[in-house]
């Protein structure tokens, strides 16, 4: 009985290993969907926007960003 379960687990593991890997964003959205953690999405979007502003603050676009605030 346990040999059947072990062989099934091994077959499932081998099948999963043969699948192509998905991207980071698709993995993240699958995580959000599976675990119902949709509240993480606005936090990460705000962090992304702040990161883009920080990066653009060191470029020639900085004077245009400072006029937004």
N, C-alpha and C. Protein backbone atom coordinates (compact mmCIF):
# COMPACT_ATOMS: atom_id res chain seq x y z
N UNK A 1 0.83 -1.19 0.00
CA UNK A 1 0.00 0.00 0.00
C UNK A 1 0.87 1.25 0.00
N UNK A 2 1.89 1.28 0.85
CA UNK A 2 2.75 2.47 0.89
C UNK A 2 3.62 2.56 -0.36
N UNK A 3 3.92 1.41 -0.99
CA UNK A 3 4.70 1.44 -2.22
C UNK A 3 3.93 2.13 -3.34
N UNK A 4 2.60 1.92 -3.37
CA UNK A 4 1.77 2.58 -4.38
C UNK A 4 1.78 4.09 -4.18
N UNK A 5 1.69 4.53 -2.92
CA UNK A 5 1.70 5.97 -2.63
C UNK A 5 3.06 6.57 -2.96
N UNK A 6 4.13 5.85 -2.62
CA UNK A 6 5.47 6.34 -2.90
C UNK A 6 5.72 6.45 -4.40
N UNK A 7 5.26 5.44 -5.15
CA UNK A 7 5.48 5.48 -6.60
C UNK A 7 4.64 6.57 -7.24
N UNK A 8 3.44 6.82 -6.71
CA UNK A 8 2.62 7.91 -7.24
C UNK A 8 3.27 9.26 -6.94
N UNK A 9 3.79 9.43 -5.74
CA UNK A 9 4.48 10.67 -5.39
C UNK A 9 5.69 10.89 -6.27
N UNK A 10 6.44 9.82 -6.52
CA UNK A 10 7.63 9.92 -7.36
C UNK A 10 7.23 10.27 -8.80
N UNK A 11 6.15 9.70 -9.28
CA UNK A 11 5.69 10.01 -10.64
C UNK A 11 5.20 11.45 -10.73
N UNK A 12 4.49 11.92 -9.71
CA UNK A 12 4.04 13.31 -9.70
C UNK A 12 5.22 14.27 -9.65
N UNK A 13 6.22 13.92 -8.86
CA UNK A 13 7.41 14.76 -8.75
C UNK A 13 8.15 14.82 -10.08
N UNK A 14 8.28 13.68 -10.74
CA UNK A 14 8.96 13.62 -12.04
C UNK A 14 8.19 14.41 -13.09
N UNK A 15 6.86 14.32 -13.06
CA UNK A 15 6.05 15.07 -14.02
C UNK A 15 6.18 16.57 -13.78
N UNK A 16 6.23 16.97 -12.53
CA UNK A 16 6.40 18.38 -12.21
C UNK A 16 7.77 18.90 -12.63
N UNK A 17 8.77 18.05 -12.55
CA UNK A 17 10.12 18.45 -12.93
C UNK A 17 10.24 18.63 -14.44
N UNK A 18 9.43 17.91 -15.20
CA UNK A 18 9.49 18.00 -16.66
C UNK A 18 8.77 19.23 -17.20
N UNK A 19 7.90 19.83 -16.40
CA UNK A 19 7.18 21.01 -16.85
C UNK A 19 8.13 22.19 -16.96
N UNK A 20 7.80 23.10 -17.86
CA UNK A 20 8.60 24.31 -18.00
C UNK A 20 8.38 25.23 -16.81
N UNK A 21 9.37 26.01 -16.50
CA UNK A 21 9.23 26.93 -15.38
C UNK A 21 8.50 28.18 -15.84
N UNK A 22 7.68 28.70 -14.96
CA UNK A 22 6.95 29.92 -15.28
C UNK A 22 7.72 31.11 -14.72
N UNK A 23 7.30 32.28 -15.11
CA UNK A 23 7.99 33.49 -14.70
C UNK A 23 7.69 33.88 -13.27
N UNK A 24 8.43 34.85 -12.80
CA UNK A 24 8.27 35.32 -11.43
C UNK A 24 6.88 35.93 -11.20
N UNK A 25 6.43 36.74 -12.15
CA UNK A 25 5.15 37.40 -11.98
C UNK A 25 3.99 36.39 -12.01
N UNK A 26 4.06 35.40 -12.88
CA UNK A 26 2.99 34.40 -12.91
C UNK A 26 3.00 33.56 -11.64
N UNK A 27 4.17 33.28 -11.11
CA UNK A 27 4.26 32.55 -9.84
C UNK A 27 3.65 33.39 -8.71
N UNK A 28 3.94 34.70 -8.72
CA UNK A 28 3.41 35.57 -7.68
C UNK A 28 1.90 35.68 -7.75
N UNK A 29 1.35 35.84 -8.97
CA UNK A 29 -0.10 35.93 -9.10
C UNK A 29 -0.77 34.61 -8.75
N UNK A 30 -0.12 33.50 -9.05
CA UNK A 30 -0.66 32.20 -8.65
C UNK A 30 -0.67 32.08 -7.13
N UNK A 31 0.37 32.60 -6.48
CA UNK A 31 0.42 32.60 -5.01
C UNK A 31 -0.71 33.44 -4.44
N UNK A 32 -0.92 34.64 -5.01
CA UNK A 32 -2.01 35.50 -4.53
C UNK A 32 -3.36 34.83 -4.70
N UNK A 33 -3.56 34.19 -5.84
CA UNK A 33 -4.84 33.55 -6.12
C UNK A 33 -5.07 32.34 -5.22
N UNK A 34 -4.05 31.53 -5.05
CA UNK A 34 -4.18 30.30 -4.27
C UNK A 34 -4.38 30.59 -2.78
N UNK A 35 -3.62 31.54 -2.26
CA UNK A 35 -3.66 31.82 -0.82
C UNK A 35 -4.60 32.96 -0.45
N UNK A 36 -5.24 33.56 -1.45
CA UNK A 36 -6.19 34.66 -1.23
C UNK A 36 -5.55 35.81 -0.43
N UNK A 37 -4.36 36.20 -0.87
CA UNK A 37 -3.65 37.29 -0.22
C UNK A 37 -3.68 38.54 -1.11
N UNK A 38 -4.87 38.91 -1.58
CA UNK A 38 -5.00 40.02 -2.51
C UNK A 38 -4.61 41.35 -1.88
N UNK A 39 -4.57 41.44 -0.56
CA UNK A 39 -4.19 42.68 0.10
C UNK A 39 -2.72 43.01 -0.11
N UNK A 40 -1.91 42.03 -0.54
CA UNK A 40 -0.50 42.29 -0.81
C UNK A 40 -0.29 43.10 -2.10
N UNK A 41 -1.22 43.00 -3.03
CA UNK A 41 -1.05 43.63 -4.33
C UNK A 41 -0.93 45.16 -4.25
N UNK A 42 -1.79 45.89 -3.54
CA UNK A 42 -1.62 47.34 -3.46
C UNK A 42 -0.31 47.76 -2.77
N UNK A 43 0.11 47.01 -1.78
CA UNK A 43 1.36 47.32 -1.10
C UNK A 43 2.53 47.21 -2.06
N UNK A 44 2.56 46.13 -2.82
CA UNK A 44 3.66 45.94 -3.77
C UNK A 44 3.62 46.94 -4.91
N UNK A 45 2.42 47.33 -5.34
CA UNK A 45 2.32 48.34 -6.39
C UNK A 45 2.85 49.70 -5.92
N UNK A 46 2.53 50.07 -4.69
CA UNK A 46 3.03 51.33 -4.14
C UNK A 46 4.55 51.27 -4.01
N UNK A 47 5.08 50.15 -3.53
CA UNK A 47 6.53 50.00 -3.43
C UNK A 47 7.20 50.08 -4.80
N UNK A 48 6.56 49.52 -5.80
CA UNK A 48 7.09 49.59 -7.16
C UNK A 48 7.11 51.03 -7.67
N UNK A 49 6.06 51.76 -7.44
CA UNK A 49 6.01 53.16 -7.87
C UNK A 49 7.06 54.00 -7.15
N UNK A 50 7.22 53.79 -5.86
CA UNK A 50 8.24 54.52 -5.09
C UNK A 50 9.63 54.16 -5.61
N UNK A 51 9.87 52.90 -5.91
CA UNK A 51 11.16 52.49 -6.45
C UNK A 51 11.45 53.14 -7.79
N UNK A 52 10.44 53.22 -8.64
CA UNK A 52 10.62 53.88 -9.94
C UNK A 52 10.93 55.36 -9.74
N UNK A 53 10.26 56.00 -8.81
CA UNK A 53 10.54 57.42 -8.53
C UNK A 53 11.95 57.61 -8.00
N UNK A 54 12.42 56.71 -7.18
CA UNK A 54 13.79 56.82 -6.65
C UNK A 54 14.80 56.66 -7.77
N UNK A 55 14.56 55.70 -8.65
CA UNK A 55 15.49 55.49 -9.77
C UNK A 55 15.47 56.69 -10.70
N UNK A 56 14.30 57.21 -11.01
CA UNK A 56 14.21 58.37 -11.90
C UNK A 56 14.72 59.64 -11.23
N UNK A 57 14.77 59.65 -9.91
CA UNK A 57 15.28 60.82 -9.19
C UNK A 57 16.77 61.05 -9.43
N UNK A 58 17.48 60.03 -9.84
CA UNK A 58 18.90 60.17 -10.11
C UNK A 58 19.21 60.40 -11.58
N UNK A 59 18.20 60.63 -12.38
CA UNK A 59 18.42 60.84 -13.81
C UNK A 59 18.06 62.27 -14.19
N UNK A 60 18.06 62.53 -15.46
CA UNK A 60 17.71 63.87 -15.96
C UNK A 60 16.24 64.18 -15.78
N UNK A 61 15.44 63.19 -15.45
CA UNK A 61 14.00 63.41 -15.23
C UNK A 61 13.70 63.94 -13.83
N UNK A 62 14.71 64.08 -13.00
CA UNK A 62 14.51 64.50 -11.60
C UNK A 62 13.78 65.83 -11.48
N UNK A 63 14.13 66.87 -12.24
CA UNK A 63 13.39 68.13 -12.08
C UNK A 63 11.89 67.99 -12.35
N UNK A 64 11.52 67.09 -13.24
CA UNK A 64 10.11 66.90 -13.55
C UNK A 64 9.40 66.13 -12.43
N UNK A 65 10.12 65.25 -11.76
CA UNK A 65 9.52 64.49 -10.66
C UNK A 65 9.31 65.39 -9.46
N UNK A 66 10.25 66.28 -9.19
CA UNK A 66 10.14 67.14 -8.03
C UNK A 66 8.97 68.11 -8.15
N UNK A 67 8.55 68.42 -9.37
CA UNK A 67 7.38 69.31 -9.51
C UNK A 67 6.07 68.59 -9.16
N UNK A 68 6.09 67.27 -9.11
CA UNK A 68 4.88 66.53 -8.72
C UNK A 68 4.59 66.70 -7.24
N UNK A 69 5.62 66.95 -6.45
CA UNK A 69 5.44 67.06 -5.01
C UNK A 69 5.54 68.49 -4.58
